[in-house]
């Protein structure tokens, strides 16, 4: 038992001095946040149009994304894979802040014109898709269904995290 404890202690002590290349140091939500903006408008054909098609982010930096809808149609914003790979901090809707502290939300539905904001820190590099389309219930699909379906009017953007 003593030999096991000594071996474990030496392994931990040796690891304490090893460089931690994949770790981000300091405060993960250090201000000021980098402001990102995505406007959803409704095109002449009734399909959503996004103001930006790609975002380039850096792992460990603090971001605040504002998503705004023109309110001419009901749109659903989804970023499922991105949100599963970030440290989510705050969601703000109509001036009310919800302190998330790494919890995840599934979607934001815009039933009318308005803005929602969320603050986050990317923790895993990758390419993630933002999807904007109709609320599944409004097109006869099951509640909670996510993502694009054939024939749907939708728009996508990419988030590239390095």
C-alpha atoms as a PDB file:
ATOM      1  CA  UNK A   1       0.000   0.000   0.000  1.00  0.00           C
ATOM      2  CA  UNK A   2       2.861   2.332   0.879  1.00  0.00           C
ATOM      3  CA  UNK A   3       4.547   1.625  -2.483  1.00  0.00           C
ATOM      4  CA  UNK A   4       1.304   2.375  -4.328  1.00  0.00           C
ATOM      5  CA  UNK A   5       0.898   5.684  -2.482  1.00  0.00           C
ATOM      6  CA  UNK A   6       4.536   6.645  -3.187  1.00  0.00           C
ATOM      7  CA  UNK A   7       4.155   5.754  -6.896  1.00  0.00           C
ATOM      8  CA  UNK A   8       0.926   7.775  -7.140  1.00  0.00           C
ATOM      9  CA  UNK A   9       2.502  10.737  -5.313  1.00  0.00           C
ATOM     10  CA  UNK A  10       5.558  10.737  -7.596  1.00  0.00           C
ATOM     11  CA  UNK A  11       3.391  10.487 -10.727  1.00  0.00           C
ATOM     12  CA  UNK A  12       1.242  13.415  -9.610  1.00  0.00           C
ATOM     13  CA  UNK A  13       4.274  15.466  -8.618  1.00  0.00           C
ATOM     14  CA  UNK A  14       5.952  14.828 -11.975  1.00  0.00           C
ATOM     15  CA  UNK A  15       2.748  15.772 -13.810  1.00  0.00           C
ATOM     16  CA  UNK A  16       2.502  19.031 -11.910  1.00  0.00           C
ATOM     17  CA  UNK A  17       5.621  20.288 -13.666  1.00  0.00           C
ATOM     18  CA  UNK A  18       4.638  19.099 -17.146  1.00  0.00           C
ATOM     19  CA  UNK A  19       3.554  21.829 -19.561  1.00  0.00           C
ATOM     20  CA  UNK A  20      -0.209  22.086 -20.106  1.00  0.00           C
ATOM     21  CA  UNK A  21      -0.368  22.976 -23.785  1.00  0.00           C
ATOM     22  CA  UNK A  22      -4.104  22.391 -24.258  1.00  0.00           C
ATOM     23  CA  UNK A  23      -5.272  24.432 -21.306  1.00  0.00           C
ATOM     24  CA  UNK A  24      -6.480  28.006 -21.362  1.00  0.00           C
ATOM     25  CA  UNK A  25      -5.246  30.052 -18.444  1.00  0.00           C
ATOM     26  CA  UNK A  26      -6.848  32.861 -16.522  1.00  0.00           C
ATOM     27  CA  UNK A  27     -10.449  33.992 -16.353  1.00  0.00           C
ATOM     28  CA  UNK A  28     -12.543  32.303 -19.058  1.00  0.00           C
ATOM     29  CA  UNK A  29     -14.913  35.271 -19.167  1.00  0.00           C
ATOM     30  CA  UNK A  30     -12.437  38.132 -19.085  1.00  0.00           C
ATOM     31  CA  UNK A  31     -14.049  41.357 -20.241  1.00  0.00           C
ATOM     32  CA  UNK A  32     -14.512  42.960 -22.641  1.00  0.00           C
ATOM     33  CA  UNK A  33     -16.337  40.354 -24.693  1.00  0.00           C
ATOM     34  CA  UNK A  34     -15.827  40.288 -28.460  1.00  0.00           C
ATOM     35  CA  UNK A  35     -19.182  41.386 -29.913  1.00  0.00           C
ATOM     36  CA  UNK A  36     -20.713  39.238 -32.674  1.00  0.00           C
ATOM     37  CA  UNK A  37     -23.937  40.027 -34.502  1.00  0.00           C
ATOM     38  CA  UNK A  38     -26.309  37.957 -36.631  1.00  0.00           C
ATOM     39  CA  UNK A  39     -29.395  39.603 -38.153  1.00  0.00           C
ATOM     40  CA  UNK A  40     -32.175  37.394 -39.514  1.00  0.00           C
ATOM     41  CA  UNK A  41     -34.323  39.071 -42.150  1.00  0.00           C
ATOM     42  CA  UNK A  42     -37.075  37.618 -44.310  1.00  0.00           C
ATOM     43  CA  UNK A  43     -36.354  37.600 -48.044  1.00  0.00           C
ATOM     44  CA  UNK A  44     -38.884  38.373 -50.780  1.00  0.00           C
ATOM     45  CA  UNK A  45     -39.385  34.610 -51.278  1.00  0.00           C
ATOM     46  CA  UNK A  46     -40.185  34.168 -47.568  1.00  0.00           C
ATOM     47  CA  UNK A  47     -36.894  32.434 -46.738  1.00  0.00           C
ATOM     48  CA  UNK A  48     -34.599  33.623 -43.962  1.00  0.00           C
ATOM     49  CA  UNK A  49     -31.552  35.691 -44.927  1.00  0.00           C
ATOM     50  CA  UNK A  50     -28.556  35.896 -42.569  1.00  0.00           C
ATOM     51  CA  UNK A  51     -26.379  38.996 -42.311  1.00  0.00           C
ATOM     52  CA  UNK A  52     -23.235  36.903 -42.006  1.00  0.00           C
ATOM     53  CA  UNK A  53     -22.326  33.471 -43.386  1.00  0.00           C
ATOM     54  CA  UNK A  54     -19.188  32.738 -41.347  1.00  0.00           C
ATOM     55  CA  UNK A  55     -17.677  33.610 -37.987  1.00  0.00           C
ATOM     56  CA  UNK A  56     -14.037  32.944 -37.046  1.00  0.00           C
ATOM     57  CA  UNK A  57     -13.468  32.483 -33.315  1.00  0.00           C
ATOM     58  CA  UNK A  58     -10.541  31.564 -31.090  1.00  0.00           C
ATOM     59  CA  UNK A  59     -10.672  28.951 -28.375  1.00  0.00           C
ATOM     60  CA  UNK A  60     -10.521  30.576 -24.945  1.00  0.00           C
ATOM     61  CA  UNK A  61     -11.674  34.056 -26.014  1.00  0.00           C
ATOM     62  CA  UNK A  62     -14.881  35.533 -24.567  1.00  0.00           C
ATOM     63  CA  UNK A  63     -17.700  36.322 -27.040  1.00  0.00           C
ATOM     64  CA  UNK A  64     -21.166  37.870 -26.887  1.00  0.00           C
ATOM     65  CA  UNK A  65     -23.447  37.072 -29.842  1.00  0.00           C
ATOM     66  CA  UNK A  66     -26.512  39.192 -30.558  1.00  0.00           C
ATOM     67  CA  UNK A  67     -29.119  37.465 -32.726  1.00  0.00           C
ATOM     68  CA  UNK A  68     -31.805  39.786 -34.070  1.00  0.00           C
ATOM     69  CA  UNK A  69     -34.933  38.990 -36.105  1.00  0.00           C
ATOM     70  CA  UNK A  70     -36.958  41.385 -38.245  1.00  0.00           C
ATOM     71  CA  UNK A  71     -40.201  39.763 -37.047  1.00  0.00           C
ATOM     72  CA  UNK A  72     -41.727  39.320 -40.514  1.00  0.00           C
ATOM     73  CA  UNK A  73     -41.807  35.538 -39.985  1.00  0.00           C
ATOM     74  CA  UNK A  74     -41.348  33.131 -37.083  1.00  0.00           C
ATOM     75  CA  UNK A  75     -37.728  31.960 -37.150  1.00  0.00           C
ATOM     76  CA  UNK A  76     -35.878  29.440 -35.014  1.00  0.00           C
ATOM     77  CA  UNK A  77     -32.133  29.906 -34.349  1.00  0.00           C
ATOM     78  CA  UNK A  78     -30.208  26.675 -33.612  1.00  0.00           C
ATOM     79  CA  UNK A  79     -26.502  26.210 -32.920  1.00  0.00           C
ATOM     80  CA  UNK A  80     -26.618  22.823 -31.183  1.00  0.00           C
ATOM     81  CA  UNK A  81     -23.088  21.569 -31.912  1.00  0.00           C
ATOM     82  CA  UNK A  82     -21.515  24.939 -31.167  1.00  0.00           C
ATOM     83  CA  UNK A  83     -23.352  25.241 -27.854  1.00  0.00           C
ATOM     84  CA  UNK A  84     -22.200  21.767 -26.820  1.00  0.00           C
ATOM     85  CA  UNK A  85     -18.585  22.872 -27.304  1.00  0.00           C
ATOM     86  CA  UNK A  86     -18.556  26.195 -25.453  1.00  0.00           C
ATOM     87  CA  UNK A  87     -18.733  27.360 -21.871  1.00  0.00           C
ATOM     88  CA  UNK A  88     -22.058  29.190 -21.961  1.00  0.00           C
ATOM     89  CA  UNK A  89     -22.252  32.094 -19.516  1.00  0.00           C
ATOM     90  CA  UNK A  90     -25.278  34.333 -19.951  1.00  0.00           C
ATOM     91  CA  UNK A  91     -28.407  34.446 -22.118  1.00  0.00           C
ATOM     92  CA  UNK A  92     -30.186  37.820 -22.320  1.00  0.00           C
ATOM     93  CA  UNK A  93     -33.694  38.149 -23.731  1.00  0.00           C
ATOM     94  CA  UNK A  94     -35.658  41.408 -23.505  1.00  0.00           C
ATOM     95  CA  UNK A  95     -33.084  42.777 -21.067  1.00  0.00           C
ATOM     96  CA  UNK A  96     -33.410  39.845 -18.658  1.00  0.00           C
ATOM     97  CA  UNK A  97     -30.166  37.964 -17.995  1.00  0.00           C
ATOM     98  CA  UNK A  98     -30.180  34.243 -17.305  1.00  0.00           C
ATOM     99  CA  UNK A  99     -26.909  33.089 -15.712  1.00  0.00           C
ATOM    100  CA  UNK A 100     -26.314  29.765 -17.486  1.00  0.00           C
ATOM    101  CA  UNK A 101     -22.885  28.779 -16.133  1.00  0.00           C
ATOM    102  CA  UNK A 102     -22.249  26.107 -18.767  1.00  0.00           C
ATOM    103  CA  UNK A 103     -25.806  24.851 -19.176  1.00  0.00           C
ATOM    104  CA  UNK A 104     -27.036  24.547 -22.768  1.00  0.00           C
ATOM    105  CA  UNK A 105     -30.137  25.854 -24.525  1.00  0.00           C
ATOM    106  CA  UNK A 106     -31.519  24.141 -27.620  1.00  0.00           C
ATOM    107  CA  UNK A 107     -32.963  26.980 -29.705  1.00  0.00           C
ATOM    108  CA  UNK A 108     -34.195  30.554 -29.679  1.00  0.00           C
ATOM    109  CA  UNK A 109     -37.528  31.145 -31.406  1.00  0.00           C
ATOM    110  CA  UNK A 110     -38.386  34.604 -32.645  1.00  0.00           C
ATOM    111  CA  UNK A 111     -42.178  34.949 -32.770  1.00  0.00           C
ATOM    112  CA  UNK A 112     -41.838  38.688 -33.360  1.00  0.00           C
ATOM    113  CA  UNK A 113     -39.117  41.264 -33.947  1.00  0.00           C
ATOM    114  CA  UNK A 114     -36.540  41.238 -31.194  1.00  0.00           C
ATOM    115  CA  UNK A 115     -33.040  40.398 -30.040  1.00  0.00           C
ATOM    116  CA  UNK A 116     -31.494  37.696 -27.895  1.00  0.00           C
ATOM    117  CA  UNK A 117     -27.867  37.694 -26.772  1.00  0.00           C
ATOM    118  CA  UNK A 118     -25.679  35.003 -25.318  1.00  0.00           C
ATOM    119  CA  UNK A 119     -22.147  35.085 -23.934  1.00  0.00           C
ATOM    120  CA  UNK A 120     -19.798  32.154 -24.274  1.00  0.00           C
ATOM    121  CA  UNK A 121     -16.213  30.910 -24.419  1.00  0.00           C
ATOM    122  CA  UNK A 122     -15.371  28.321 -27.118  1.00  0.00           C
ATOM    123  CA  UNK A 123     -13.554  25.390 -25.509  1.00  0.00           C
ATOM    124  CA  UNK A 124     -13.134  22.998 -28.443  1.00  0.00           C
ATOM    125  CA  UNK A 125     -11.842  23.809 -31.938  1.00  0.00           C
ATOM    126  CA  UNK A 126     -14.005  22.776 -34.867  1.00  0.00           C
ATOM    127  CA  UNK A 127     -16.456  23.946 -37.517  1.00  0.00           C
ATOM    128  CA  UNK A 128     -20.033  24.306 -36.323  1.00  0.00           C
ATOM    129  CA  UNK A 129     -23.259  25.138 -38.146  1.00  0.00           C
ATOM    130  CA  UNK A 130     -25.834  27.762 -37.251  1.00  0.00           C
ATOM    131  CA  UNK A 131     -29.269  26.903 -38.634  1.00  0.00           C
ATOM    132  CA  UNK A 132     -32.202  29.299 -38.977  1.00  0.00           C
ATOM    133  CA  UNK A 133     -35.529  27.911 -40.128  1.00  0.00           C
ATOM    134  CA  UNK A 134     -39.173  27.527 -39.231  1.00  0.00           C
ATOM    135  CA  UNK A 135     -40.356  26.322 -35.836  1.00  0.00           C
ATOM    136  CA  UNK A 136     -41.113  22.594 -36.336  1.00  0.00           C
ATOM    137  CA  UNK A 137     -44.683  22.981 -35.002  1.00  0.00           C
ATOM    138  CA  UNK A 138     -45.468  25.680 -37.577  1.00  0.00           C
ATOM    139  CA  UNK A 139     -44.755  23.281 -40.458  1.00  0.00           C
ATOM    140  CA  UNK A 140     -46.482  20.206 -39.001  1.00  0.00           C
ATOM    141  CA  UNK A 141     -43.408  18.470 -37.559  1.00  0.00           C
ATOM    142  CA  UNK A 142     -42.966  17.191 -34.002  1.00  0.00           C
ATOM    143  CA  UNK A 143     -42.098  19.652 -31.248  1.00  0.00           C
ATOM    144  CA  UNK A 144     -38.379  19.534 -30.471  1.00  0.00           C
ATOM    145  CA  UNK A 145     -37.312  18.350 -33.905  1.00  0.00           C
ATOM    146  CA  UNK A 146     -34.166  20.169 -34.974  1.00  0.00           C
ATOM    147  CA  UNK A 147     -32.234  20.991 -38.125  1.00  0.00           C
ATOM    148  CA  UNK A 148     -32.990  21.339 -41.811  1.00  0.00           C
ATOM    149  CA  UNK A 149     -35.411  19.019 -43.590  1.00  0.00           C
ATOM    150  CA  UNK A 150     -35.775  18.601 -47.372  1.00  0.00           C
ATOM    151  CA  UNK A 151     -37.841  21.406 -48.851  1.00  0.00           C
ATOM    152  CA  UNK A 152     -37.532  23.647 -45.770  1.00  0.00           C
ATOM    153  CA  UNK A 153     -36.902  27.352 -46.144  1.00  0.00           C
ATOM    154  CA  UNK A 154     -33.774  27.833 -44.076  1.00  0.00           C
ATOM    155  CA  UNK A 155     -30.384  29.515 -43.968  1.00  0.00           C
ATOM    156  CA  UNK A 156     -27.094  28.416 -42.446  1.00  0.00           C
ATOM    157  CA  UNK A 157     -23.867  30.013 -41.303  1.00  0.00           C
ATOM    158  CA  UNK A 158     -20.594  28.463 -40.141  1.00  0.00           C
ATOM    159  CA  UNK A 159     -18.664  29.101 -36.975  1.00  0.00           C
ATOM    160  CA  UNK A 160     -15.008  28.146 -37.252  1.00  0.00           C
ATOM    161  CA  UNK A 161     -13.222  27.842 -33.902  1.00  0.00           C
ATOM    162  CA  UNK A 162      -9.421  27.620 -33.912  1.00  0.00           C
END
